[in-house]
Amino acid sequence: MAGTDDIELNDLTPSAGLPEADDTPDDQPRSGADLEAVLDVPVNVSAVLGKTAMEVSQLLKLSRGAVVELDRKVGEAIDIYVNDRLVARGEVVLVEDRLGITMTEIVKGGQI
């Protein structure tokens, strides 16, 4: 681009005194301010009660009040996904006249 100064690779190194990503100790306390940059990022949250497989013809025959059998038992934990990644398990709760989820277990490292 015309009128811009050439940048050398040495100009792209971090400024003295600023920590690099790997310089932050793991035992340093974190605060809510550390998350401020991502607080407004939208995510998709899904709570999966159970799954089943059926043919399209069976699906089209379903009517109001039909019961679809799922692969989970009553009282068994449900899976909670954030952006299609399993992050927690929980239980269905009733909050006034709405359904909600109580997280009972955080899943670490993509366990299934």
N, C-alpha and C. Protein backbone atom coordinates (compact mmCIF):
# COMPACT_ATOMS: atom_id res chain seq x y z
N MET A 1 0.84 -1.18 0.00
CA MET A 1 0.00 0.00 0.00
C MET A 1 0.88 1.23 0.00
N ALA A 2 0.53 2.22 -0.75
CA ALA A 2 1.33 3.44 -0.86
C ALA A 2 1.22 4.25 0.41
N GLY A 3 2.36 4.82 0.84
CA GLY A 3 2.35 5.70 1.99
C GLY A 3 2.49 5.00 3.33
N THR A 4 2.63 3.67 3.38
CA THR A 4 2.80 2.98 4.65
C THR A 4 4.25 2.62 4.83
N ASP A 5 4.69 2.62 6.08
CA ASP A 5 6.07 2.24 6.38
C ASP A 5 6.20 0.73 6.34
N ASP A 6 7.40 0.26 5.97
CA ASP A 6 7.66 -1.17 6.01
C ASP A 6 7.79 -1.62 7.46
N ILE A 7 7.22 -2.76 7.77
CA ILE A 7 7.30 -3.32 9.12
C ILE A 7 8.28 -4.46 9.08
N GLU A 8 9.20 -4.45 10.03
CA GLU A 8 10.15 -5.55 10.13
C GLU A 8 9.66 -6.53 11.17
N LEU A 9 10.16 -7.77 11.07
CA LEU A 9 9.75 -8.81 12.00
C LEU A 9 10.04 -8.42 13.44
N ASN A 10 11.14 -7.72 13.70
CA ASN A 10 11.47 -7.33 15.07
C ASN A 10 10.42 -6.40 15.65
N ASP A 11 9.70 -5.66 14.80
CA ASP A 11 8.66 -4.76 15.28
C ASP A 11 7.44 -5.51 15.80
N LEU A 12 7.31 -6.78 15.48
CA LEU A 12 6.13 -7.55 15.86
C LEU A 12 6.30 -8.31 17.16
N THR A 13 7.47 -8.23 17.80
CA THR A 13 7.68 -8.94 19.06
C THR A 13 6.95 -8.21 20.17
N PRO A 14 6.54 -8.93 21.24
CA PRO A 14 5.80 -8.28 22.33
C PRO A 14 6.65 -7.21 22.99
N SER A 15 5.99 -6.17 23.47
CA SER A 15 6.68 -5.09 24.16
C SER A 15 7.27 -5.61 25.46
N ALA A 16 8.38 -5.02 25.87
CA ALA A 16 9.02 -5.42 27.12
C ALA A 16 8.08 -5.17 28.27
N GLY A 17 8.03 -6.09 29.21
CA GLY A 17 7.20 -5.94 30.39
C GLY A 17 5.81 -6.53 30.24
N LEU A 18 5.34 -6.81 29.03
CA LEU A 18 4.03 -7.42 28.85
C LEU A 18 4.18 -8.93 28.85
N PRO A 19 3.38 -9.64 29.63
CA PRO A 19 3.51 -11.10 29.66
C PRO A 19 2.97 -11.72 28.39
N GLU A 20 3.61 -12.78 27.94
CA GLU A 20 3.08 -13.56 26.83
C GLU A 20 2.08 -14.54 27.39
N ALA A 21 1.34 -15.20 26.52
CA ALA A 21 0.27 -16.11 26.96
C ALA A 21 0.80 -17.18 27.90
N ASP A 22 2.00 -17.69 27.66
CA ASP A 22 2.54 -18.78 28.47
C ASP A 22 3.22 -18.27 29.74
N ASP A 23 3.36 -16.94 29.91
CA ASP A 23 4.04 -16.39 31.06
C ASP A 23 3.15 -16.26 32.29
N THR A 24 1.84 -16.42 32.14
CA THR A 24 0.92 -16.27 33.26
C THR A 24 0.92 -17.54 34.10
N PRO A 25 1.25 -17.43 35.39
CA PRO A 25 1.28 -18.64 36.23
C PRO A 25 -0.11 -19.23 36.38
N ASP A 26 -0.18 -20.57 36.43
CA ASP A 26 -1.46 -21.25 36.57
C ASP A 26 -2.09 -21.01 37.94
N ASP A 27 -1.27 -20.71 38.96
CA ASP A 27 -1.81 -20.54 40.30
C ASP A 27 -2.25 -19.11 40.58
N GLN A 28 -2.15 -18.22 39.57
CA GLN A 28 -2.58 -16.84 39.75
C GLN A 28 -4.10 -16.79 39.75
N PRO A 29 -4.69 -16.09 40.74
CA PRO A 29 -6.16 -16.03 40.78
C PRO A 29 -6.72 -15.30 39.57
N ARG A 30 -7.84 -15.76 39.11
CA ARG A 30 -8.53 -15.17 37.96
C ARG A 30 -9.73 -14.38 38.48
N SER A 31 -10.15 -13.40 37.70
CA SER A 31 -11.32 -12.62 38.09
C SER A 31 -12.29 -12.55 36.91
N GLY A 32 -13.46 -11.99 37.16
CA GLY A 32 -14.45 -11.82 36.11
C GLY A 32 -13.96 -10.92 35.00
N ALA A 33 -13.05 -10.02 35.32
CA ALA A 33 -12.51 -9.12 34.30
C ALA A 33 -11.75 -9.88 33.22
N ASP A 34 -11.20 -11.05 33.57
CA ASP A 34 -10.48 -11.87 32.59
C ASP A 34 -11.40 -12.35 31.47
N LEU A 35 -12.69 -12.44 31.74
CA LEU A 35 -13.66 -12.94 30.77
C LEU A 35 -14.40 -11.84 30.02
N GLU A 36 -14.12 -10.60 30.36
CA GLU A 36 -14.88 -9.50 29.79
C GLU A 36 -14.90 -9.48 28.27
N ALA A 37 -13.83 -9.90 27.63
CA ALA A 37 -13.75 -9.87 26.17
C ALA A 37 -14.70 -10.86 25.52
N VAL A 38 -15.14 -11.90 26.23
CA VAL A 38 -16.00 -12.91 25.62
C VAL A 38 -17.42 -12.94 26.17
N LEU A 39 -17.75 -12.02 27.06
CA LEU A 39 -19.07 -12.05 27.68
C LEU A 39 -20.22 -11.84 26.71
N ASP A 40 -19.99 -11.13 25.62
CA ASP A 40 -21.06 -10.86 24.65
C ASP A 40 -21.04 -11.80 23.45
N VAL A 41 -20.23 -12.85 23.49
CA VAL A 41 -20.16 -13.80 22.38
C VAL A 41 -21.35 -14.75 22.48
N PRO A 42 -22.19 -14.82 21.44
CA PRO A 42 -23.34 -15.73 21.50
C PRO A 42 -22.91 -17.19 21.35
N VAL A 43 -23.58 -18.07 22.07
CA VAL A 43 -23.33 -19.51 21.97
C VAL A 43 -24.67 -20.23 21.88
N ASN A 44 -24.66 -21.43 21.33
CA ASN A 44 -25.85 -22.28 21.27
C ASN A 44 -25.78 -23.29 22.40
N VAL A 45 -26.81 -23.32 23.22
CA VAL A 45 -26.88 -24.27 24.34
C VAL A 45 -28.02 -25.23 24.06
N SER A 46 -27.72 -26.54 24.17
CA SER A 46 -28.73 -27.58 23.94
C SER A 46 -28.76 -28.52 25.12
N ALA A 47 -29.94 -28.92 25.52
CA ALA A 47 -30.12 -29.93 26.56
C ALA A 47 -30.77 -31.14 25.91
N VAL A 48 -30.06 -32.25 25.86
CA VAL A 48 -30.54 -33.44 25.17
C VAL A 48 -31.14 -34.39 26.20
N LEU A 49 -32.46 -34.58 26.11
CA LEU A 49 -33.17 -35.47 27.02
C LEU A 49 -32.93 -36.93 26.68
N GLY A 50 -32.71 -37.19 25.41
CA GLY A 50 -32.48 -38.55 24.93
C GLY A 50 -32.54 -38.56 23.42
N LYS A 51 -32.25 -39.72 22.85
CA LYS A 51 -32.23 -39.84 21.39
C LYS A 51 -33.00 -41.09 20.98
N THR A 52 -33.42 -41.07 19.73
CA THR A 52 -34.05 -42.24 19.14
C THR A 52 -33.83 -42.18 17.63
N ALA A 53 -33.99 -43.28 16.98
CA ALA A 53 -33.88 -43.34 15.52
C ALA A 53 -35.22 -43.83 14.97
N MET A 54 -35.67 -43.18 13.90
CA MET A 54 -36.90 -43.64 13.27
C MET A 54 -36.87 -43.25 11.80
N GLU A 55 -37.66 -43.95 11.02
CA GLU A 55 -37.76 -43.64 9.60
C GLU A 55 -38.64 -42.42 9.40
N VAL A 56 -38.45 -41.74 8.30
CA VAL A 56 -39.24 -40.56 7.99
C VAL A 56 -40.73 -40.91 7.96
N SER A 57 -41.06 -42.07 7.45
CA SER A 57 -42.48 -42.47 7.38
C SER A 57 -43.08 -42.56 8.78
N GLN A 58 -42.30 -43.06 9.75
CA GLN A 58 -42.79 -43.12 11.13
C GLN A 58 -42.94 -41.71 11.71
N LEU A 59 -42.00 -40.85 11.39
CA LEU A 59 -42.05 -39.47 11.88
C LEU A 59 -43.29 -38.75 11.37
N LEU A 60 -43.62 -38.97 10.11
CA LEU A 60 -44.78 -38.32 9.51
C LEU A 60 -46.10 -38.83 10.09
N LYS A 61 -46.10 -40.04 10.65
CA LYS A 61 -47.31 -40.60 11.24
C LYS A 61 -47.57 -40.11 12.66
N LEU A 62 -46.59 -39.43 13.27
CA LEU A 62 -46.77 -38.94 14.64
C LEU A 62 -47.85 -37.86 14.66
N SER A 63 -48.64 -37.87 15.70
CA SER A 63 -49.68 -36.85 15.86
C SER A 63 -49.58 -36.30 17.28
N ARG A 64 -50.38 -35.31 17.54
CA ARG A 64 -50.38 -34.69 18.87
C ARG A 64 -50.63 -35.75 19.94
N GLY A 65 -49.80 -35.73 20.97
CA GLY A 65 -49.95 -36.68 22.07
C GLY A 65 -49.20 -37.98 21.87
N ALA A 66 -48.56 -38.15 20.70
CA ALA A 66 -47.80 -39.38 20.45
C ALA A 66 -46.62 -39.47 21.42
N VAL A 67 -46.28 -40.66 21.81
CA VAL A 67 -45.16 -40.89 22.72
C VAL A 67 -44.00 -41.45 21.91
N VAL A 68 -42.84 -40.80 22.05
CA VAL A 68 -41.63 -41.25 21.36
C VAL A 68 -40.69 -41.78 22.42
N GLU A 69 -40.33 -43.05 22.32
CA GLU A 69 -39.44 -43.67 23.30
C GLU A 69 -38.00 -43.23 23.05
N LEU A 70 -37.34 -42.77 24.11
CA LEU A 70 -35.96 -42.31 24.02
C LEU A 70 -35.03 -43.35 24.65
N ASP A 71 -33.72 -43.14 24.47
CA ASP A 71 -32.74 -44.10 24.96
C ASP A 71 -32.33 -43.86 26.42
N ARG A 72 -33.05 -43.03 27.14
CA ARG A 72 -32.73 -42.73 28.54
C ARG A 72 -33.87 -43.16 29.43
N LYS A 73 -33.53 -43.42 30.68
CA LYS A 73 -34.54 -43.78 31.67
C LYS A 73 -34.95 -42.53 32.45
N VAL A 74 -36.11 -42.58 33.06
CA VAL A 74 -36.59 -41.48 33.89
C VAL A 74 -35.60 -41.27 35.03
N GLY A 75 -35.22 -40.02 35.25
CA GLY A 75 -34.30 -39.69 36.33
C GLY A 75 -32.83 -39.75 35.93
N GLU A 76 -32.54 -40.28 34.74
CA GLU A 76 -31.15 -40.35 34.27
C GLU A 76 -30.71 -38.95 33.85
N ALA A 77 -29.43 -38.64 34.05
CA ALA A 77 -28.91 -37.31 33.73
C ALA A 77 -29.05 -37.01 32.24
N ILE A 78 -29.29 -35.74 31.94
CA ILE A 78 -29.36 -35.31 30.55
C ILE A 78 -28.04 -34.65 30.17
N ASP A 79 -27.74 -34.61 28.89
CA ASP A 79 -26.49 -34.01 28.41
C ASP A 79 -26.73 -32.55 28.04
N ILE A 80 -25.78 -31.69 28.40
CA ILE A 80 -25.85 -30.27 28.09
C ILE A 80 -24.69 -29.94 27.16
N TYR A 81 -25.03 -29.43 25.99
CA TYR A 81 -24.03 -29.11 24.97
C TYR A 81 -23.95 -27.60 24.79
N VAL A 82 -22.74 -27.09 24.59
CA VAL A 82 -22.53 -25.70 24.20
C VAL A 82 -21.78 -25.74 22.87
N ASN A 83 -22.40 -25.15 21.84
CA ASN A 83 -21.84 -25.19 20.49
C ASN A 83 -21.47 -26.62 20.07
N ASP A 84 -22.39 -27.54 20.29
CA ASP A 84 -22.26 -28.95 19.90
C ASP A 84 -21.13 -29.68 20.62
N ARG A 85 -20.69 -29.17 21.75
CA ARG A 85 -19.66 -29.84 22.56
C ARG A 85 -20.24 -30.15 23.93
N LEU A 86 -20.14 -31.40 24.35
CA LEU A 86 -20.65 -31.81 25.66
C LEU A 86 -19.86 -31.11 26.76
N VAL A 87 -20.55 -30.34 27.61
CA VAL A 87 -19.87 -29.61 28.67
C VAL A 87 -20.37 -29.97 30.06
N ALA A 88 -21.58 -30.53 30.16
CA ALA A 88 -22.12 -30.82 31.49
C ALA A 88 -23.25 -31.84 31.40
N ARG A 89 -23.64 -32.34 32.57
CA ARG A 89 -24.82 -33.20 32.69
C ARG A 89 -25.70 -32.58 33.77
N GLY A 90 -26.98 -32.84 33.69
CA GLY A 90 -27.87 -32.22 34.66
C GLY A 90 -29.20 -32.92 34.76
N GLU A 91 -30.11 -32.25 35.48
CA GLU A 91 -31.45 -32.79 35.71
C GLU A 91 -32.48 -31.75 35.29
N VAL A 92 -33.61 -32.23 34.84
CA VAL A 92 -34.72 -31.33 34.48
C VAL A 92 -35.42 -30.91 35.76
N VAL A 93 -35.71 -29.61 35.87
CA VAL A 93 -36.43 -29.09 37.03
C VAL A 93 -37.58 -28.23 36.53
N LEU A 94 -38.56 -28.04 37.39
CA LEU A 94 -39.71 -27.19 37.07
C LEU A 94 -39.54 -25.89 37.83
N VAL A 95 -39.51 -24.77 37.10
CA VAL A 95 -39.38 -23.44 37.69
C VAL A 95 -40.67 -22.69 37.37
N GLU A 96 -41.52 -22.54 38.39
CA GLU A 96 -42.87 -22.00 38.20
C GLU A 96 -43.58 -22.86 37.16
N ASP A 97 -43.88 -22.33 35.98
CA ASP A 97 -44.56 -23.15 34.98
C ASP A 97 -43.66 -23.44 33.78
N ARG A 98 -42.35 -23.34 33.97
CA ARG A 98 -41.39 -23.58 32.88
C ARG A 98 -40.40 -24.66 33.27
N LEU A 99 -39.86 -25.31 32.24
CA LEU A 99 -38.83 -26.31 32.47
C LEU A 99 -37.47 -25.62 32.54
N GLY A 100 -36.58 -26.17 33.35
CA GLY A 100 -35.22 -25.66 33.47
C GLY A 100 -34.28 -26.82 33.65
N ILE A 101 -33.00 -26.51 33.72
CA ILE A 101 -31.97 -27.53 33.88
C ILE A 101 -31.09 -27.15 35.07
N THR A 102 -30.82 -28.10 35.93
CA THR A 102 -29.85 -27.92 37.00
C THR A 102 -28.61 -28.71 36.62
N MET A 103 -27.47 -28.04 36.51
CA MET A 103 -26.24 -28.76 36.18
C MET A 103 -25.75 -29.49 37.41
N THR A 104 -25.50 -30.77 37.27
CA THR A 104 -25.03 -31.59 38.39
C THR A 104 -23.59 -32.05 38.21
N GLU A 105 -23.08 -31.96 36.99
CA GLU A 105 -21.71 -32.44 36.72
C GLU A 105 -21.14 -31.66 35.54
N ILE A 106 -19.93 -31.15 35.70
CA ILE A 106 -19.21 -30.51 34.60
C ILE A 106 -18.33 -31.57 33.95
N VAL A 107 -18.43 -31.69 32.64
CA VAL A 107 -17.65 -32.69 31.90
C VAL A 107 -16.34 -32.04 31.47
N LYS A 108 -15.24 -32.65 31.83
CA LYS A 108 -13.92 -32.09 31.50
C LYS A 108 -13.31 -32.80 30.31
N GLY A 109 -12.71 -32.04 29.43
CA GLY A 109 -11.93 -32.61 28.34
C GLY A 109 -12.71 -33.45 27.34
N GLY A 110 -13.97 -33.18 27.12
CA GLY A 110 -14.74 -33.88 26.12
C GLY A 110 -15.07 -35.31 26.45
N GLN A 111 -15.13 -35.65 27.76
CA GLN A 111 -15.54 -37.01 28.15
C GLN A 111 -16.94 -37.28 27.64
N ILE A 112 -17.20 -38.53 27.38
CA ILE A 112 -18.56 -38.89 26.97
C ILE A 112 -19.05 -40.06 27.79
